[in-house]
Structures are given as structure tokens and as C-alpha cells.
C-alpha atoms as a PDB file:
ATOM      1  CA  MET A   1       6.112   8.010  -2.822  1.00  0.00           C
ATOM      2  CA  TYR A   2       4.592  10.453  -5.327  1.00  0.00           C
ATOM      3  CA  SER A   3       6.904  11.411  -8.236  1.00  0.00           C
ATOM      4  CA  LYS A   4       6.313  14.062 -10.889  1.00  0.00           C
ATOM      5  CA  THR A   5       4.699  11.373 -13.057  1.00  0.00           C
ATOM      6  CA  VAL A   6       2.258  10.548 -10.299  1.00  0.00           C
ATOM      7  CA  LEU A   7       1.484  14.211  -9.688  1.00  0.00           C
ATOM      8  CA  GLN A   8       0.605  14.478 -13.379  1.00  0.00           C
ATOM      9  CA  VAL A   9      -1.760  11.542 -12.946  1.00  0.00           C
ATOM     10  CA  PHE A  10      -3.296  13.325  -9.935  1.00  0.00           C
ATOM     11  CA  ALA A  11      -3.852  16.440 -12.017  1.00  0.00           C
ATOM     12  CA  THR A  12      -5.476  14.475 -14.856  1.00  0.00           C
ATOM     13  CA  LEU A  13      -7.806  12.700 -12.468  1.00  0.00           C
ATOM     14  CA  MET A  14      -8.758  15.987 -10.814  1.00  0.00           C
ATOM     15  CA  LEU A  15      -9.658  17.568 -14.135  1.00  0.00           C
ATOM     16  CA  SER A  16     -11.740  14.580 -15.219  1.00  0.00           C
ATOM     17  CA  ALA A  17     -13.801  14.320 -12.053  1.00  0.00           C
ATOM     18  CA  ALA A  18     -16.810  16.521 -11.561  1.00  0.00           C
ATOM     19  CA  THR A  19     -17.247  15.821  -7.889  1.00  0.00           C
ATOM     20  CA  ALA A  20     -15.047  14.483  -5.105  1.00  0.00           C
ATOM     21  CA  ALA A  21     -16.027  11.867  -2.579  1.00  0.00           C
ATOM     22  CA  THR A  22     -14.354  11.427   0.780  1.00  0.00           C
ATOM     23  CA  ALA A  23     -12.397   8.361   1.857  1.00  0.00           C
ATOM     24  CA  SER A  24     -14.532   5.686   3.469  1.00  0.00           C
ATOM     25  CA  ALA A  25     -13.087   2.957   5.633  1.00  0.00           C
ATOM     26  CA  GLN A  26     -14.781  -0.301   4.695  1.00  0.00           C
ATOM     27  CA  THR A  27     -13.623  -2.504   7.518  1.00  0.00           C
ATOM     28  CA  THR A  28     -11.781  -5.721   6.738  1.00  0.00           C
ATOM     29  CA  GLU A  29     -10.653  -6.478  10.255  1.00  0.00           C
ATOM     30  CA  SER A  30      -9.349  -9.766  11.625  1.00  0.00           C
ATOM     31  CA  THR A  31      -9.265 -11.036  15.166  1.00  0.00           C
ATOM     32  CA  PRO A  32      -5.704 -11.134  16.530  1.00  0.00           C
ATOM     33  CA  ASP A  33      -3.531 -13.973  15.213  1.00  0.00           C
ATOM     34  CA  THR A  34      -6.266 -15.107  12.804  1.00  0.00           C
ATOM     35  CA  ALA A  35      -5.179 -14.740   9.199  1.00  0.00           C
ATOM     36  CA  THR A  36      -7.239 -12.514   6.936  1.00  0.00           C
ATOM     37  CA  THR A  37      -7.066 -12.987   3.169  1.00  0.00           C
ATOM     38  CA  GLN A  38      -8.033 -10.245   0.746  1.00  0.00           C
ATOM     39  CA  HIS A  39      -7.662  -9.955  -3.004  1.00  0.00           C
ATOM     40  CA  TRP A  40      -6.009  -7.397  -5.210  1.00  0.00           C
ATOM     41  CA  LYS A  41      -7.869  -5.074  -7.572  1.00  0.00           C
ATOM     42  CA  HIS A  42      -6.399  -3.191 -10.493  1.00  0.00           C
ATOM     43  CA  GLY A  43      -4.769   0.068  -9.443  1.00  0.00           C
ATOM     44  CA  TRP A  44      -5.100   3.705 -10.388  1.00  0.00           C
ATOM     45  CA  GLY A  45      -1.670   4.005 -12.055  1.00  0.00           C
ATOM     46  CA  ILE A  46      -1.684   1.317 -14.752  1.00  0.00           C
ATOM     47  CA  PRO A  47      -5.195  -0.167 -14.601  1.00  0.00           C
ATOM     48  CA  ASP A  48      -4.670  -2.749 -17.354  1.00  0.00           C
ATOM     49  CA  GLU A  49      -1.581  -4.463 -15.835  1.00  0.00           C
ATOM     50  CA  GLN A  50      -2.052  -8.215 -16.163  1.00  0.00           C
ATOM     51  CA  LEU A  51      -2.820 -10.272 -13.031  1.00  0.00           C
ATOM     52  CA  ASP A  52      -4.974 -13.234 -12.073  1.00  0.00           C
ATOM     53  CA  ILE A  53      -7.159 -11.383  -9.582  1.00  0.00           C
ATOM     54  CA  GLN A  54      -8.856 -14.549  -8.311  1.00  0.00           C
ATOM     55  CA  LYS A  55      -5.580 -16.285  -7.400  1.00  0.00           C
ATOM     56  CA  SER A  56      -3.571 -13.272  -6.204  1.00  0.00           C
ATOM     57  CA  ASN A  57      -3.994 -12.051  -2.646  1.00  0.00           C
ATOM     58  CA  ILE A  58      -2.682 -10.540   0.572  1.00  0.00           C
ATOM     59  CA  VAL A  59      -2.710 -12.595   3.767  1.00  0.00           C
ATOM     60  CA  TRP A  60      -2.186 -10.750   7.061  1.00  0.00           C
ATOM     61  CA  SER A  61      -2.472 -11.338  10.784  1.00  0.00           C
ATOM     62  CA  VAL A  62      -1.698  -9.543  14.045  1.00  0.00           C
ATOM     63  CA  SER A  63       0.024 -11.240  16.986  1.00  0.00           C
ATOM     64  CA  PRO A  64      -1.866 -10.567  20.242  1.00  0.00           C
ATOM     65  CA  ALA A  65       1.316 -11.238  22.223  1.00  0.00           C
ATOM     66  CA  THR A  66       3.698  -8.886  20.426  1.00  0.00           C
ATOM     67  CA  GLY A  67       1.516  -6.617  18.280  1.00  0.00           C
ATOM     68  CA  ASP A  68       3.534  -7.612  15.219  1.00  0.00           C
ATOM     69  CA  LEU A  69       1.829  -7.528  11.812  1.00  0.00           C
ATOM     70  CA  THR A  70       2.712 -10.383   9.456  1.00  0.00           C
ATOM     71  CA  VAL A  71       1.800  -9.849   5.799  1.00  0.00           C
ATOM     72  CA  THR A  72       2.350 -12.070   2.757  1.00  0.00           C
ATOM     73  CA  PHE A  73       1.826 -10.553  -0.685  1.00  0.00           C
ATOM     74  CA  ASN A  74       1.101 -13.008  -3.523  1.00  0.00           C
ATOM     75  CA  LEU A  75       0.997 -12.225  -7.249  1.00  0.00           C
ATOM     76  CA  VAL A  76      -0.095 -14.831  -9.805  1.00  0.00           C
ATOM     77  CA  GLU A  77       0.094 -14.419 -13.586  1.00  0.00           C
ATOM     78  CA  ALA A  78       1.432 -10.881 -13.392  1.00  0.00           C
ATOM     79  CA  VAL A  79       4.030  -9.752 -15.938  1.00  0.00           C
ATOM     80  CA  PRO A  80       6.837 -12.362 -15.959  1.00  0.00           C
ATOM     81  CA  THR A  81      10.255 -11.471 -14.502  1.00  0.00           C
ATOM     82  CA  LYS A  82       9.120  -8.063 -13.300  1.00  0.00           C
ATOM     83  CA  LEU A  83       9.671  -6.169 -10.051  1.00  0.00           C
ATOM     84  CA  TYR A  84       6.674  -4.909  -8.070  1.00  0.00           C
ATOM     85  CA  GLN A  85       7.353  -2.790  -4.994  1.00  0.00           C
ATOM     86  CA  ILE A  86       4.831  -3.413  -2.230  1.00  0.00           C
ATOM     87  CA  GLY A  87       3.744  -0.679   0.128  1.00  0.00           C
ATOM     88  CA  VAL A  88       0.924   0.590   2.291  1.00  0.00           C
ATOM     89  CA  THR A  89      -1.001   3.842   2.121  1.00  0.00           C
ATOM     90  CA  PHE A  90      -2.512   4.934   5.442  1.00  0.00           C
ATOM     91  CA  PHE A  91      -5.591   7.146   5.604  1.00  0.00           C
ATOM     92  CA  CYS A  92      -4.715   9.517   8.425  1.00  0.00           C
ATOM     93  CA  THR A  93      -4.477  13.029   9.795  1.00  0.00           C
ATOM     94  CA  THR A  94      -1.195  12.675  11.650  1.00  0.00           C
ATOM     95  CA  PHE A  95       1.248   9.771  11.778  1.00  0.00           C
ATOM     96  CA  PRO A  96       4.493   8.763  13.526  1.00  0.00           C
ATOM     97  CA  ALA A  97       7.803   8.807  11.668  1.00  0.00           C
ATOM     98  CA  THR A  98       7.873   5.012  11.429  1.00  0.00           C
ATOM     99  CA  PHE A  99       5.554   2.037  11.129  1.00  0.00           C
ATOM    100  CA  GLY A 100       7.334  -0.539  13.221  1.00  0.00           C
ATOM    101  CA  GLN A 101      10.886  -0.701  11.848  1.00  0.00           C
ATOM    102  CA  PHE A 102       9.930   0.865   8.496  1.00  0.00           C
ATOM    103  CA  PRO A 103      10.282   4.639   7.934  1.00  0.00           C
ATOM    104  CA  ILE A 104       7.399   6.600   6.480  1.00  0.00           C
ATOM    105  CA  ASP A 105       7.922   7.803   2.886  1.00  0.00           C
ATOM    106  CA  PRO A 106       9.352  11.319   3.347  1.00  0.00           C
ATOM    107  CA  SER A 107       7.246  12.855   0.564  1.00  0.00           C
ATOM    108  CA  THR A 108       4.029  11.752   2.300  1.00  0.00           C
ATOM    109  CA  ILE A 109       4.511  13.377   5.688  1.00  0.00           C
ATOM    110  CA  ASN A 110       4.853  17.051   6.609  1.00  0.00           C
ATOM    111  CA  ASN A 111       5.948  17.661  10.201  1.00  0.00           C
ATOM    112  CA  GLY A 112       3.899  14.662  11.288  1.00  0.00           C
ATOM    113  CA  ASN A 113       0.891  15.637   9.177  1.00  0.00           C
ATOM    114  CA  CYS A 114      -0.450  13.379   6.424  1.00  0.00           C
ATOM    115  CA  ILE A 115      -0.604  14.920   2.950  1.00  0.00           C
ATOM    116  CA  PRO A 116      -3.725  15.582   0.839  1.00  0.00           C
ATOM    117  CA  VAL A 117      -4.238  13.577  -2.378  1.00  0.00           C
ATOM    118  CA  PHE A 118      -7.021  13.103  -4.908  1.00  0.00           C
ATOM    119  CA  LEU A 119      -7.326   9.666  -6.539  1.00  0.00           C
ATOM    120  CA  GLN A 120     -10.159   7.789  -8.245  1.00  0.00           C
ATOM    121  CA  GLY A 121     -12.615  10.535  -7.322  1.00  0.00           C
ATOM    122  CA  VAL A 122     -11.646  10.577  -3.647  1.00  0.00           C
ATOM    123  CA  ASN A 123     -10.071  13.302  -1.534  1.00  0.00           C
ATOM    124  CA  ALA A 124      -8.045  11.983   1.402  1.00  0.00           C
ATOM    125  CA  THR A 125      -5.069  12.760   3.585  1.00  0.00           C
ATOM    126  CA  VAL A 126      -2.546   9.940   3.552  1.00  0.00           C
ATOM    127  CA  THR A 127       0.958   8.784   4.313  1.00  0.00           C
ATOM    128  CA  GLY A 128       2.801   5.695   3.115  1.00  0.00           C
ATOM    129  CA  VAL A 129       5.479   3.119   3.784  1.00  0.00           C
ATOM    130  CA  GLU A 130       7.362   0.710   1.513  1.00  0.00           C
ATOM    131  CA  LEU A 131       7.683  -2.902   2.743  1.00  0.00           C
ATOM    132  CA  CYS A 132       9.167  -5.287   0.171  1.00  0.00           C
ATOM    133  CA  VAL A 133       9.657  -6.149  -3.499  1.00  0.00           C
ATOM    134  CA  VAL A 134       8.151  -9.053  -5.440  1.00  0.00           C
ATOM    135  CA  LEU A 135      10.168 -10.440  -8.351  1.00  0.00           C
ATOM    136  CA  THR A 136       7.927 -12.592 -10.519  1.00  0.00           C
ATOM    137  CA  ASP A 137       9.165 -15.763 -12.210  1.00  0.00           C
ATOM    138  CA  ASN A 138       8.844 -16.763 -15.865  1.00  0.00           C
ATOM    139  CA  VAL A 139       5.064 -17.207 -15.557  1.00  0.00           C
ATOM    140  CA  GLY A 140       4.451 -14.070 -13.511  1.00  0.00           C
ATOM    141  CA  THR A 141       4.230 -15.623 -10.043  1.00  0.00           C
ATOM    142  CA  GLY A 142       5.989 -14.191  -6.999  1.00  0.00           C
ATOM    143  CA  SER A 143       5.551 -13.324  -3.333  1.00  0.00           C
ATOM    144  CA  CYS A 144       7.147 -11.619  -0.359  1.00  0.00           C
ATOM    145  CA  LYS A 145       6.509 -11.925   3.367  1.00  0.00           C
ATOM    146  CA  VAL A 146       7.124  -9.176   5.907  1.00  0.00           C
ATOM    147  CA  VAL A 147       6.877  -9.057   9.696  1.00  0.00           C
ATOM    148  CA  VAL A 148       6.330  -5.454  10.783  1.00  0.00           C
ATOM    149  CA  GLY A 149       7.325  -4.734  14.361  1.00  0.00           C
ATOM    150  CA  THR A 150      10.386  -5.699  16.352  1.00  0.00           C
ATOM    151  CA  VAL A 151      11.354  -5.584  20.019  1.00  0.00           C
ATOM    152  CA  ALA A 152      13.335  -2.415  19.354  1.00  0.00           C
ATOM    153  CA  ASN A 153      10.762  -0.953  16.935  1.00  0.00           C
ATOM    154  CA  PRO A 154       7.234  -2.114  17.799  1.00  0.00           C
ATOM    155  CA  ILE A 155       4.171  -0.821  15.966  1.00  0.00           C
ATOM    156  CA  ALA A 156       2.467   1.840  18.040  1.00  0.00           C
ATOM    157  CA  PRO A 157      -0.830   0.435  19.400  1.00  0.00           C
ATOM    158  CA  GLY A 158      -3.917   1.773  17.680  1.00  0.00           C
ATOM    159  CA  THR A 159      -6.320   1.420  14.771  1.00  0.00           C
ATOM    160  CA  TYR A 160      -4.841   1.749  11.289  1.00  0.00           C
ATOM    161  CA  THR A 161      -6.957   2.401   8.204  1.00  0.00           C
ATOM    162  CA  LEU A 162      -5.006   1.487   5.103  1.00  0.00           C
ATOM    163  CA  GLU A 163      -4.723   0.223   1.552  1.00  0.00           C
ATOM    164  CA  PHE A 164      -2.098  -2.249   0.289  1.00  0.00           C
ATOM    165  CA  GLU A 165      -0.452  -1.309  -3.006  1.00  0.00           C
ATOM    166  CA  ALA A 166       1.823  -2.919  -5.606  1.00  0.00           C
ATOM    167  CA  ARG A 167       3.823  -0.415  -7.629  1.00  0.00           C
ATOM    168  CA  ASP A 168       4.878  -0.576 -11.265  1.00  0.00           C
ATOM    169  CA  GLY A 169       8.526  -1.458 -10.738  1.00  0.00           C
ATOM    170  CA  ALA A 170      10.793  -0.836  -7.775  1.00  0.00           C
ATOM    171  CA  GLY A 171      12.651   2.177  -6.423  1.00  0.00           C
ATOM    172  CA  CYS A 172       9.903   4.522  -5.215  1.00  0.00           C
ATOM    173  CA  GLU A 173      11.033   6.384  -2.065  1.00  0.00           C
ATOM    174  CA  VAL A 174      14.006   4.075  -1.433  1.00  0.00           C
ATOM    175  CA  THR A 175      17.781   4.470  -1.789  1.00  0.00           C
ATOM    176  CA  GLY A 176      19.252   2.913  -4.915  1.00  0.00           C
ATOM    177  CA  GLY A 177      16.000   2.991  -6.829  1.00  0.00           C
ATOM    178  CA  GLY A 178      17.473   4.388 -10.016  1.00  0.00           C
ATOM    179  CA  THR A 179      17.259   7.799 -11.642  1.00  0.00           C
ATOM    180  CA  ASN A 180      13.537   7.718 -12.454  1.00  0.00           C
ATOM    181  CA  PRO A 181      11.735   5.306 -10.130  1.00  0.00           C
ATOM    182  CA  THR A 182       8.004   4.959 -10.607  1.00  0.00           C
ATOM    183  CA  CYS A 183       5.426   5.223  -7.867  1.00  0.00           C
ATOM    184  CA  LEU A 184       2.460   4.313 -10.055  1.00  0.00           C
ATOM    185  CA  VAL A 185       0.166   1.685  -8.530  1.00  0.00           C
ATOM    186  CA  ASP A 186      -0.630  -1.395 -10.632  1.00  0.00           C
ATOM    187  CA  PHE A 187      -2.650  -3.239  -7.974  1.00  0.00           C
ATOM    188  CA  GLN A 188      -4.426  -2.137  -4.805  1.00  0.00           C
ATOM    189  CA  SER A 189      -6.388  -3.789  -2.032  1.00  0.00           C
ATOM    190  CA  PRO A 190      -9.127  -3.433  -1.080  1.00  0.00           C
ATOM    191  CA  GLY A 191      -9.660  -0.681  -3.692  1.00  0.00           C
ATOM    192  CA  PRO A 192     -10.767   1.427  -5.325  1.00  0.00           C
ATOM    193  CA  PHE A 193      -8.948   4.223  -3.530  1.00  0.00           C
ATOM    194  CA  GLY A 194     -10.829   5.366  -0.436  1.00  0.00           C
ATOM    195  CA  ASN A 195     -12.014   1.908   0.543  1.00  0.00           C
ATOM    196  CA  ALA A 196      -9.776   0.553   3.241  1.00  0.00           C
ATOM    197  CA  THR A 197      -8.732  -2.265   5.509  1.00  0.00           C
ATOM    198  CA  THR A 198      -8.804  -1.606   9.244  1.00  0.00           C
ATOM    199  CA  ILE A 199      -6.099  -3.271  11.309  1.00  0.00           C
ATOM    200  CA  VAL A 200      -6.047  -3.001  15.107  1.00  0.00           C
ATOM    201  CA  ILE A 201      -2.682  -3.277  16.859  1.00  0.00           C
ATOM    202  CA  PRO A 202      -3.111  -4.136  20.568  1.00  0.00           C
END
């Protein structure tokens, strides 16, 4: 999840900040099976990446019957014909090895413990998971939809505090991602880092 390039960004941000805040969970919580829509903000990695913020969004809902999380990620007027890898950063102390059927990024977990990071003036302990890739069309529009949780691999019940992220390219923390995959974040939601969405899995 965090390459050498990202660690360099961390170091730069740490040197430029005089004080550090702590992560605050600003709740954006939906009732089960009722869709919640939230918008992207520019990310900490490449803050000037083009995107129509007003038209781009994330739509998510939780099934009360199964505990599955359905998420659709929409990008509008991003860079045309570009890959954006979509993931989630969880604000946590400890975390299981998987989120539903998706494995946790190995560089963001240490014997079940979430790792410390410093971004946008905020200290937090986090872990992450990669969910899908958006390939934009010739005008920069694209989307992907993911259902997290299966009969064999349900999401563990509980309250999850998290941020959605769209990375600059694809390949971060996944097999076949190339020799120098980037983990820089172009877009985040809710953002800035430390503000979070709270999702309750029954």
C-alpha cells in the first residue's frame, strides 16, 4: 500500500507540519440497505489531478440480511483512458487479515496491528484493502461496483471507520502490478485525511 515514493511523501509532509492532529471520525453513516452517496475530494498524493468533484461520487449500502457492503465508485471528467485503483483505508488499532473476501494490504498490518502514518497533518494508525480498478473512457468517465462479503467470507460484524481512496494508476499491493506501482492517492472521501466514514456491519 505504501511504496518508497509514498514514504518520501510522508517524510516531506512530516517536515512541513509544525503540529500533528489526531484522526477524527466524522460520521457519514447510513441505515442498513439505504444507499449513502458521498463525494470525492482531491487526495494527498497528487492534489491537482483533474476530476469533476460535483459529479463524481461513491454510493454505498449495507444489507441488513447478509451484512454485505455494496459500493459503486464513480469518476467523471478524470484523466481520459487512465487506470485508478480504488481502495479503502481503515482507521484502526487492530484488524483481521481480511475484509470480507479481500485480503488486507500486507504492508499495512503487523501481526494484526494497524500501522502508524502521518498524512495531511494527522497522525493515525491504519490498514488498507484494495477493491477494484476504474478505467476511464475518452472523456474521463468510469466506474466500478464491488460487493464485499460472501457466504464463505462474510465481513466481520462491527463498526468500521474508513476513508475511500482512488490511487494514481493501478498495481499497488496487488500481483501483476508492474515493477514500480504507485500508491499515491489522487482522490479521497470524505477527506482530508483523518475525517472518516463510519459503516456499521450487523
